[in-house]
Amino acid sequence: MDTKPVKVYVAVRASFGQDGRLLPTELTWEDGRVFAIDRVTEVRQAAAQKAGGQGDRYTIWINGQQSYLF
């Protein structure tokens, strides 16, 4: 069974911390459902392999499930 991740574009709400870092706080799924991001456990530089270029990868947790935002 192939469980390759699927790229989905979503709207993201984010805020700046007092240290100036941008952190995502919630996302809106394709069907309009809004999910609060419980926590961000890692922010790292990562290559966008399919789109090309470089950006940040956020390791996020929503309802006990880990995912990534680029």
N, C-alpha and C. Protein backbone atom coordinates (compact mmCIF):
# COMPACT_ATOMS: atom_id res chain seq x y z
N MET A 1 0.84 -1.17 0.00
CA MET A 1 0.00 0.00 0.00
C MET A 1 0.89 1.24 0.00
N ASP A 2 0.67 2.12 -0.96
CA ASP A 2 1.47 3.34 -1.08
C ASP A 2 0.80 4.45 -0.29
N THR A 3 1.48 4.94 0.74
CA THR A 3 0.92 6.01 1.58
C THR A 3 1.75 7.28 1.43
N LYS A 4 2.08 7.60 0.19
CA LYS A 4 2.88 8.78 -0.09
C LYS A 4 2.09 10.04 0.30
N PRO A 5 2.74 11.01 0.96
CA PRO A 5 2.04 12.24 1.35
C PRO A 5 1.49 12.98 0.13
N VAL A 6 0.38 13.63 0.32
CA VAL A 6 -0.25 14.39 -0.74
C VAL A 6 -0.08 15.87 -0.43
N LYS A 7 0.34 16.64 -1.43
CA LYS A 7 0.49 18.09 -1.24
C LYS A 7 -0.87 18.73 -1.39
N VAL A 8 -1.28 19.47 -0.37
CA VAL A 8 -2.55 20.18 -0.38
C VAL A 8 -2.26 21.63 0.02
N TYR A 9 -2.77 22.56 -0.75
CA TYR A 9 -2.59 23.97 -0.41
C TYR A 9 -3.73 24.41 0.50
N VAL A 10 -3.38 25.00 1.64
CA VAL A 10 -4.37 25.43 2.62
C VAL A 10 -4.08 26.87 3.04
N ALA A 11 -5.11 27.55 3.52
CA ALA A 11 -4.92 28.88 4.09
C ALA A 11 -4.40 28.72 5.51
N VAL A 12 -3.43 29.53 5.89
CA VAL A 12 -2.82 29.43 7.22
C VAL A 12 -2.88 30.79 7.91
N ARG A 13 -3.32 30.79 9.15
CA ARG A 13 -3.26 31.99 9.98
C ARG A 13 -2.03 31.84 10.87
N ALA A 14 -1.26 32.92 10.98
CA ALA A 14 -0.02 32.87 11.76
C ALA A 14 0.11 34.17 12.55
N SER A 15 0.99 34.12 13.53
CA SER A 15 1.26 35.32 14.31
C SER A 15 2.76 35.41 14.58
N PHE A 16 3.20 36.62 14.88
CA PHE A 16 4.59 36.84 15.23
C PHE A 16 4.74 36.79 16.73
N GLY A 17 5.73 36.03 17.21
CA GLY A 17 6.06 35.99 18.62
C GLY A 17 6.85 37.23 19.00
N GLN A 18 7.07 37.41 20.27
CA GLN A 18 7.83 38.57 20.74
C GLN A 18 9.27 38.54 20.25
N ASP A 19 9.76 37.35 19.91
CA ASP A 19 11.13 37.24 19.39
C ASP A 19 11.19 37.47 17.88
N GLY A 20 10.04 37.76 17.25
CA GLY A 20 10.01 38.04 15.82
C GLY A 20 9.78 36.84 14.93
N ARG A 21 9.69 35.65 15.53
CA ARG A 21 9.46 34.44 14.73
C ARG A 21 8.01 34.33 14.32
N LEU A 22 7.78 33.91 13.10
CA LEU A 22 6.45 33.69 12.56
C LEU A 22 6.03 32.26 12.87
N LEU A 23 4.88 32.09 13.54
CA LEU A 23 4.40 30.75 13.88
C LEU A 23 2.96 30.57 13.44
N PRO A 24 2.65 29.46 12.77
CA PRO A 24 1.27 29.20 12.36
C PRO A 24 0.40 28.88 13.57
N THR A 25 -0.84 29.37 13.56
CA THR A 25 -1.75 29.15 14.68
C THR A 25 -2.98 28.34 14.29
N GLU A 26 -3.40 28.41 13.03
CA GLU A 26 -4.52 27.60 12.56
C GLU A 26 -4.47 27.49 11.05
N LEU A 27 -5.15 26.47 10.53
CA LEU A 27 -5.24 26.32 9.09
C LEU A 27 -6.67 26.03 8.69
N THR A 28 -7.00 26.42 7.46
CA THR A 28 -8.33 26.18 6.91
C THR A 28 -8.19 25.16 5.79
N TRP A 29 -8.86 24.02 5.96
CA TRP A 29 -8.78 22.93 5.00
C TRP A 29 -9.55 23.28 3.74
N GLU A 30 -9.40 22.49 2.70
CA GLU A 30 -10.04 22.73 1.40
C GLU A 30 -11.55 22.88 1.50
N ASP A 31 -12.17 22.13 2.41
CA ASP A 31 -13.63 22.15 2.52
C ASP A 31 -14.14 23.22 3.49
N GLY A 32 -13.23 24.07 3.99
CA GLY A 32 -13.63 25.17 4.85
C GLY A 32 -13.51 24.90 6.34
N ARG A 33 -13.21 23.65 6.73
CA ARG A 33 -13.03 23.36 8.16
C ARG A 33 -11.76 24.04 8.66
N VAL A 34 -11.86 24.61 9.87
CA VAL A 34 -10.73 25.30 10.47
C VAL A 34 -10.18 24.45 11.61
N PHE A 35 -8.87 24.28 11.62
CA PHE A 35 -8.19 23.48 12.64
C PHE A 35 -7.18 24.34 13.38
N ALA A 36 -7.28 24.36 14.70
CA ALA A 36 -6.28 25.06 15.51
C ALA A 36 -5.02 24.20 15.55
N ILE A 37 -3.87 24.82 15.43
CA ILE A 37 -2.60 24.13 15.54
C ILE A 37 -2.26 24.09 17.02
N ASP A 38 -2.21 22.88 17.58
CA ASP A 38 -1.98 22.71 19.01
C ASP A 38 -0.57 23.14 19.42
N ARG A 39 0.41 22.76 18.59
CA ARG A 39 1.78 23.15 18.91
C ARG A 39 2.65 23.03 17.67
N VAL A 40 3.73 23.78 17.70
CA VAL A 40 4.76 23.72 16.67
C VAL A 40 6.00 23.20 17.37
N THR A 41 6.48 22.04 16.93
CA THR A 41 7.61 21.43 17.63
C THR A 41 8.96 21.67 16.95
N GLU A 42 8.93 22.10 15.69
CA GLU A 42 10.20 22.34 15.00
C GLU A 42 9.98 23.27 13.82
N VAL A 43 10.94 24.15 13.60
CA VAL A 43 10.99 24.98 12.40
C VAL A 43 12.38 24.81 11.84
N ARG A 44 12.47 24.42 10.58
CA ARG A 44 13.78 24.20 9.97
C ARG A 44 13.76 24.62 8.52
N GLN A 45 14.93 24.93 8.01
CA GLN A 45 15.09 25.21 6.58
C GLN A 45 14.93 23.89 5.84
N ALA A 46 14.18 23.92 4.75
CA ALA A 46 13.99 22.69 3.98
C ALA A 46 13.82 23.05 2.51
N ALA A 47 14.35 22.20 1.66
CA ALA A 47 14.21 22.40 0.22
C ALA A 47 12.81 21.98 -0.21
N ALA A 48 12.20 22.79 -1.05
CA ALA A 48 10.92 22.43 -1.64
C ALA A 48 11.24 21.62 -2.90
N GLN A 49 11.32 20.32 -2.75
CA GLN A 49 11.84 19.47 -3.81
C GLN A 49 11.00 19.50 -5.07
N LYS A 50 9.68 19.49 -4.94
CA LYS A 50 8.83 19.48 -6.13
C LYS A 50 8.70 20.87 -6.74
N ALA A 51 8.61 21.89 -5.90
CA ALA A 51 8.41 23.26 -6.40
C ALA A 51 9.73 23.96 -6.67
N GLY A 52 10.80 23.45 -6.11
CA GLY A 52 12.10 24.10 -6.23
C GLY A 52 12.23 25.21 -5.20
N GLY A 53 13.44 25.59 -4.91
CA GLY A 53 13.67 26.67 -3.97
C GLY A 53 13.88 26.18 -2.55
N GLN A 54 13.88 27.12 -1.63
CA GLN A 54 14.16 26.85 -0.23
C GLN A 54 13.12 27.57 0.61
N GLY A 55 12.74 27.00 1.74
CA GLY A 55 11.78 27.64 2.63
C GLY A 55 11.83 27.00 4.00
N ASP A 56 10.86 27.35 4.82
CA ASP A 56 10.78 26.80 6.16
C ASP A 56 9.80 25.64 6.20
N ARG A 57 10.14 24.62 6.98
CA ARG A 57 9.22 23.51 7.23
C ARG A 57 8.85 23.55 8.70
N TYR A 58 7.57 23.63 8.97
CA TYR A 58 7.05 23.65 10.33
C TYR A 58 6.50 22.26 10.66
N THR A 59 6.97 21.67 11.75
CA THR A 59 6.39 20.43 12.25
C THR A 59 5.28 20.85 13.20
N ILE A 60 4.04 20.48 12.84
CA ILE A 60 2.89 20.92 13.62
C ILE A 60 2.12 19.72 14.14
N TRP A 61 1.31 19.99 15.17
CA TRP A 61 0.43 18.96 15.75
C TRP A 61 -0.98 19.51 15.78
N ILE A 62 -1.92 18.73 15.25
CA ILE A 62 -3.34 19.07 15.26
C ILE A 62 -4.09 17.85 15.73
N ASN A 63 -4.83 17.98 16.82
CA ASN A 63 -5.62 16.86 17.37
C ASN A 63 -4.79 15.60 17.54
N GLY A 64 -3.57 15.73 18.04
CA GLY A 64 -2.73 14.58 18.30
C GLY A 64 -2.04 13.99 17.08
N GLN A 65 -2.19 14.61 15.91
CA GLN A 65 -1.59 14.10 14.69
C GLN A 65 -0.49 15.06 14.22
N GLN A 66 0.66 14.51 13.88
CA GLN A 66 1.77 15.30 13.39
C GLN A 66 1.64 15.52 11.90
N SER A 67 1.98 16.72 11.47
CA SER A 67 2.00 17.02 10.03
C SER A 67 3.06 18.09 9.78
N TYR A 68 3.21 18.48 8.53
CA TYR A 68 4.20 19.48 8.16
C TYR A 68 3.55 20.57 7.35
N LEU A 69 3.99 21.79 7.57
CA LEU A 69 3.64 22.93 6.73
C LEU A 69 4.91 23.46 6.10
N PHE A 70 4.85 23.81 4.84
CA PHE A 70 6.01 24.37 4.15
C PHE A 70 5.70 25.80 3.74
